[in-house]
Protein backbone atom coordinates (compact mmCIF):
# COMPACT_ATOMS: atom_id res chain seq x y z
CA MET A 1 14.41 -0.13 3.23
CA GLU A 2 12.53 1.30 0.23
CA ARG A 3 8.89 0.93 -0.44
CA TYR A 4 7.24 0.78 -3.89
CA GLY A 5 3.67 0.56 -4.97
CA LEU A 6 2.22 -1.05 -8.13
CA THR A 7 -1.34 -1.03 -9.39
CA PHE A 8 -3.31 -2.28 -12.45
CA PRO A 9 -6.92 -3.02 -13.16
CA VAL A 10 -8.46 -6.38 -13.72
CA ARG A 11 -11.77 -7.13 -15.54
CA PRO A 12 -14.68 -6.48 -13.26
CA GLU A 13 -16.34 -9.88 -13.63
CA ALA A 14 -12.96 -11.67 -12.81
CA VAL A 15 -12.37 -10.19 -9.42
CA ASP A 16 -13.05 -13.34 -7.55
CA GLU A 17 -10.79 -15.33 -9.81
CA VAL A 18 -8.02 -12.66 -9.39
CA ARG A 19 -8.40 -12.95 -5.57
CA ARG A 20 -8.04 -16.78 -5.70
CA VAL A 21 -4.94 -16.49 -7.81
CA LEU A 22 -3.29 -13.93 -5.67
CA ALA A 23 -4.23 -15.51 -2.31
CA ASP A 24 -1.94 -18.36 -3.33
CA TYR A 25 0.85 -16.12 -4.19
CA PRO A 26 4.08 -18.02 -3.17
CA ARG A 27 6.80 -16.66 -0.98
CA PRO A 28 9.76 -16.21 -3.25
CA GLN A 29 13.43 -16.42 -2.26
CA THR A 30 14.16 -13.16 -0.32
CA ARG A 31 17.88 -12.85 -0.18
CA ILE A 32 19.48 -12.16 -3.67
CA ALA A 33 23.02 -10.95 -3.36
CA ASP A 34 25.13 -8.03 -2.38
CA GLY A 35 22.71 -6.84 0.28
CA VAL A 36 19.76 -6.87 -2.23
CA ALA A 37 16.68 -8.39 -0.64
CA LEU A 38 12.89 -8.63 -0.94
CA LEU A 39 11.53 -7.84 2.50
CA ALA A 40 7.79 -7.97 1.93
CA THR A 41 5.15 -8.05 -0.68
CA THR A 42 1.49 -7.20 0.39
CA VAL A 43 -1.23 -7.44 -2.20
CA PHE A 44 -4.72 -5.79 -1.94
CA LEU A 45 -7.63 -5.47 -4.13
CA TRP A 46 -9.54 -2.17 -4.25
CA ARG A 47 -12.81 -2.85 -6.48
CA ASP A 48 -11.49 -3.91 -9.74
CA ARG A 49 -7.84 -2.91 -9.10
CA VAL A 50 -4.69 -4.85 -7.76
CA VAL A 51 -2.50 -2.85 -5.46
CA ARG A 52 0.85 -4.31 -4.58
CA ILE A 53 3.09 -2.86 -1.78
CA ILE A 54 6.71 -4.04 -1.94
CA ASP A 55 9.52 -3.45 0.50
CA VAL A 56 13.09 -3.99 -0.79
CA THR A 57 16.76 -3.18 -0.07
CA GLY A 58 18.85 -2.52 -3.15
CA PRO A 59 18.01 -1.60 -6.68
CA PHE A 60 14.20 -2.30 -7.51
CA GLU A 61 15.14 -3.36 -11.09
CA ARG A 62 17.16 -6.28 -9.71
CA ILE A 63 14.36 -7.23 -7.37
CA MET A 64 11.95 -7.34 -10.42
CA ALA A 65 14.47 -9.29 -12.51
CA HIS A 66 14.73 -11.69 -9.67
CA LEU A 67 11.10 -12.30 -9.43
CA SER A 68 10.55 -12.58 -13.06
CA ALA A 69 13.05 -15.53 -13.07
CA ASP A 70 11.21 -17.32 -10.20
CA PRO A 71 9.31 -20.16 -11.68
CA ALA A 72 6.46 -20.03 -8.93
CA ILE A 73 6.16 -16.37 -9.54
CA ARG A 74 5.97 -16.64 -13.19
CA ALA A 75 3.34 -19.26 -12.82
CA THR A 76 1.28 -17.00 -10.70
CA GLU A 77 1.74 -13.95 -13.07
CA ALA A 78 0.70 -16.30 -16.03
CA ALA A 79 -2.40 -17.51 -14.16
CA LEU A 80 -3.29 -13.79 -13.48
CA ASN A 81 -2.74 -12.63 -17.03
CA PRO A 82 -5.95 -13.70 -18.69
CA TYR A 83 -8.06 -11.55 -16.11
CA LEU A 84 -6.01 -8.20 -16.63
CA VAL A 85 -7.51 -5.40 -18.60
CA GLU A 86 -4.08 -4.89 -20.14
CA GLN A 87 -2.53 -8.43 -20.73
CA ARG A 88 1.27 -8.81 -20.58
CA ASP A 89 3.59 -10.72 -22.82
CA LEU A 90 5.70 -12.13 -20.14
CA ASP A 91 8.07 -14.04 -22.61
CA ARG A 92 9.28 -10.42 -24.01
CA PRO A 93 11.16 -8.70 -21.09
CA GLU A 94 10.84 -5.34 -22.60
CA ALA A 95 7.12 -5.59 -22.77
CA ALA A 96 6.85 -6.86 -19.23
CA ARG A 97 9.09 -4.02 -18.05
CA GLY A 98 6.83 -1.63 -19.89
CA PHE A 99 3.66 -2.90 -18.08
CA PHE A 100 5.27 -2.65 -14.69
CA ARG A 101 6.56 0.93 -15.42
CA ARG A 102 3.00 2.04 -16.29
CA ALA A 103 1.80 0.24 -13.06
CA MET A 104 4.28 1.96 -10.67
CA MET A 105 2.60 4.36 -8.32
CA ARG A 106 4.33 7.55 -7.26
CA ARG A 107 5.54 7.55 -3.64
CA VAL A 108 4.18 10.90 -2.29
CA VAL A 109 5.42 10.78 1.24
CA HIS A 110 6.67 8.26 3.87
CA ARG A 111 6.57 8.74 7.62
CA GLU A 112 8.09 6.76 10.39
CA THR A 113 7.19 6.87 13.97
CA ALA A 114 9.95 7.03 16.55
CA PRO A 115 10.37 3.56 18.25
CA GLU A 116 9.90 4.91 21.69
CA LEU A 117 6.37 6.07 20.77
CA LEU A 118 5.40 2.55 19.63
CA PRO A 119 3.67 0.06 22.03
CA SER A 120 5.80 -1.47 24.73
CA ASP A 121 6.92 -4.29 22.32
CA PRO A 122 7.88 -2.40 19.15
CA THR A 123 9.36 -5.47 17.68
CA GLY A 124 6.17 -7.53 17.92
CA PRO A 125 3.81 -8.54 15.03
CA ARG A 126 2.64 -5.75 12.65
CA THR A 127 -0.58 -5.52 10.62
CA ARG A 128 -0.60 -3.96 7.18
CA LEU A 129 -3.62 -2.10 5.85
CA ALA A 130 -4.25 0.35 3.16
CA LEU A 131 -7.14 3.02 2.50
CA ALA A 132 -8.21 4.63 -0.71
CA TYR A 133 -9.14 8.40 -0.63
CA PRO A 134 -12.34 9.00 -2.53
CA THR A 135 -10.67 11.63 -4.70
CA SER A 136 -12.78 14.09 -6.86
CA PRO A 137 -12.29 13.37 -10.48
CA GLY A 138 -9.17 15.03 -11.83
CA ARG A 139 -7.80 16.14 -8.41
CA GLY A 140 -5.51 13.29 -7.71
CA ASP A 141 -2.37 15.62 -8.19
CA ASP A 142 -3.82 18.19 -5.90
CA LEU A 143 -4.67 15.75 -3.15
CA ALA A 144 -1.23 14.23 -3.38
CA ALA A 145 0.29 17.75 -2.96
CA VAL A 146 -1.80 18.40 0.22
CA LEU A 147 -0.83 15.05 1.77
CA ALA A 148 2.80 15.67 0.88
CA GLU A 149 2.77 18.68 3.00
CA ALA A 150 2.12 16.75 6.30
CA GLY A 151 5.03 16.75 8.58
CA GLU A 152 5.61 13.83 10.95
CA LEU A 153 2.86 11.84 12.07
CA PRO A 154 0.98 14.00 14.53
CA VAL A 155 0.78 11.51 17.34
CA ARG A 156 3.12 13.16 19.89
CA ALA A 157 0.13 14.26 22.00
CA ALA A 158 -0.43 10.58 23.04
CA PRO A 159 2.25 8.66 24.86
CA ARG A 160 1.96 5.77 22.55
CA THR A 161 0.68 5.10 19.02
CA ALA A 162 -0.06 1.94 17.06
CA LEU A 163 1.07 3.49 13.71
CA ALA A 164 4.56 2.30 13.06
CA ASN A 165 4.82 4.04 9.58
CA THR A 166 2.52 5.29 6.75
CA THR A 167 3.03 5.68 2.98
CA VAL A 168 1.03 7.58 0.56
CA PHE A 169 1.11 6.37 -3.00
CA GLN A 170 -0.64 8.05 -6.17
CA HIS A 171 -1.65 6.70 -9.71
CA GLY A 172 -3.68 9.37 -11.43
CA ASP A 173 -6.76 9.99 -9.31
CA LEU A 174 -6.08 6.79 -7.13
CA VAL A 175 -4.46 7.94 -3.92
CA ILE A 176 -3.74 5.36 -1.36
CA ARG A 177 -2.44 5.52 2.28
CA PHE A 178 -0.67 2.37 3.31
CA ALA A 179 -0.11 1.86 6.98
CA GLU A 180 1.92 -0.55 9.29
CA VAL A 181 0.37 -1.15 12.57
CA ALA A 182 2.07 -2.15 15.70
CA GLY A 183 -0.51 -3.50 18.08
CA ASP A 184 -4.36 -3.51 18.03
CA LEU A 185 -5.99 -2.51 14.78
CA ASP A 186 -8.95 -0.76 16.62
CA THR A 187 -6.33 1.53 18.51
CA ALA A 188 -4.65 2.07 15.10
CA GLN A 189 -7.88 3.27 13.71
CA ARG A 190 -8.49 5.68 16.62
CA HIS A 191 -4.97 6.87 16.42
CA LEU A 192 -5.06 7.46 12.61
CA SER A 193 -8.48 9.25 13.14
CA GLN A 194 -6.87 11.56 15.67
CA ALA A 195 -3.87 12.20 13.40
CA VAL A 196 -5.86 12.97 10.30
CA SER A 197 -8.55 14.98 12.27
CA ARG A 198 -5.93 17.22 13.92
CA ALA A 199 -3.66 17.81 10.72
CA ALA A 200 -3.75 21.39 9.58
CA THR A 201 -4.33 20.22 6.05
CA THR A 202 -7.45 18.32 6.88
CA GLY A 203 -9.87 21.18 5.73
CA ARG A 204 -8.26 21.49 2.24
CA LEU A 205 -7.95 17.73 2.10
CA THR A 206 -11.70 17.35 2.49
CA GLY A 207 -12.40 19.85 -0.34
CA LEU A 208 -10.62 17.48 -2.67
CA LEU A 209 -12.76 14.53 -1.81
CA ARG A 210 -16.03 13.49 -3.19
CA PRO A 211 -18.97 15.30 -1.44
CA GLY A 212 -19.96 13.75 1.84
CA THR A 213 -16.70 12.66 2.74
CA ASP A 214 -15.79 13.94 6.39
CA LEU A 215 -12.33 13.23 7.73
CA GLY A 216 -12.48 16.02 10.44
CA THR A 217 -14.52 13.94 12.94
CA GLN A 218 -13.89 10.55 14.42
CA ALA A 219 -17.41 9.37 13.35
CA GLY A 220 -16.76 10.61 9.75
CA PHE A 221 -13.23 8.98 9.63
CA ALA A 222 -14.71 5.78 11.14
CA GLU A 223 -17.03 5.58 8.05
CA PHE A 224 -14.07 6.48 5.61
CA PHE A 225 -12.11 3.64 7.20
CA ARG A 226 -14.88 1.23 6.98
CA ASP A 227 -15.89 1.96 3.30
CA HIS A 228 -12.41 2.72 1.75
CA ARG A 229 -10.19 0.01 3.38
CA LEU A 230 -8.79 -2.11 0.64
CA THR A 231 -9.20 -5.85 0.94
CA LEU A 232 -5.99 -7.75 1.93
CA VAL A 233 -5.34 -10.72 -0.26
CA ALA A 234 -1.86 -11.80 0.53
CA ASP A 235 0.94 -10.79 2.83
CA ARG A 236 4.34 -12.38 2.21
CA ARG A 237 7.33 -11.37 4.41
CA ALA A 238 10.92 -12.33 4.60
CA GLU A 239 11.58 -14.38 7.71
CA GLU A 240 14.07 -11.94 9.03
CA VAL A 241 11.60 -9.10 9.10
CA VAL A 242 8.49 -10.78 10.44
CA ARG A 243 7.79 -9.03 13.81
């Protein structure tokens, strides 16, 4: 499985319309050919910006070509187009590819938790969430570099964790941590708070965030979690990977 992130801005006054369009995002055909498959697409809004997280097997270019040929997906993208800051010419493949190249987020780091550390039913349903780091202007690259230094998720002090995996993406000063949660969301928040506050890089990380951000205490992290959690708009998963 490979995970990709895309982000692009929408007109601020059109955020509600964008949410409506994306909430109706259809489930496309997931199996393509030769082991190529679309496993999941999760769509978030962060203020006036769309964030898409896409899990695939096989070349991403083949997935995008498959989606662009799907009539229902094309209709959704056409309905979304008038609300974008940068509109796309969907009838010109090269122009559409250029838009998505610019929208592609850099995957900074991806961490998986060993199955034996997950809740007693590691194959049960999973919740997807994303958090936006309040990066100081111009410090996105520095913040991403610090996050990339982190090793495995520091959860081994506890017998179990709700954090199945996390992925950090960057697009300029926008730095997003995406997480897949196995089990209770409140437990996941607590485990993520413990993991971040215990990390050796948390002091340097805090110095790259906007003043007043505190990730070193559970209370500070709870405030960060509340104020910087992205709005989940749509979550479409292939039948074979729905847990």
